Amino acid sequence: MEWTGARYADKPTVEVRTWIDATPDRVWALVSDIAVMPTMSEELQSVEWLDGAEGPAVGARFLGRSRHDSFGEWSTTSHVIECEPGHVLAWAVEDPTDPSAVWRFRLRPQDGGTELSEWMQLGPGRSGLSFAIDTMPDKEQKIVFVRLREFERSITSTLEQIKQRAEA
């Protein structure tokens, strides 16, 4: 990831893509199963559907518990904002109208397999990162860059694990 000088208010994003030798339906089964996501993440510890939901659908909510050496432990409620089986799954963290982050998986048939991308956006709503920026406003751009780089590494790892599982 190259230095962008982005600030939190810029709603900076990161995206990673991979090609998987499996059908979009096979890949969808993995990306839409939120219970499997903590097994592929160092930060995300557990996830559970709320309000009786049993799977992704626009409006469904889930609780995620996370842990980070610098930020400690926390939980967030996410709201599914896009859900097209086999194509796209996106969720807004905390307030869907002013999210602290937005995450999205996109699947596209390609060359007999699937191109899978995972994208995330910081902000515009406040998050744990906002508190770090509040205490060190002169380092905001570096704080944002370091966090985006962490997300890029994490997303790359997640996509590699999804690829391995889908192709197995």
Foldseek 3Di string as FASTA:
>chain_A
DDQDLDFLQVQDKDKDKDWALFALLLLLVVVFPQQCVCVQFPFWPGKDWPPPDDTDDAQTKMKIWTADPVQGIDIWIWGWHDDDRSAKTKIFTHDPVWGQKIKMWGWDDDPNTIMIMIMMTGTPDDDSLVVVCVVPVVCRSVSVVVVNVVVNVSRVSSVVVSRVVSRD
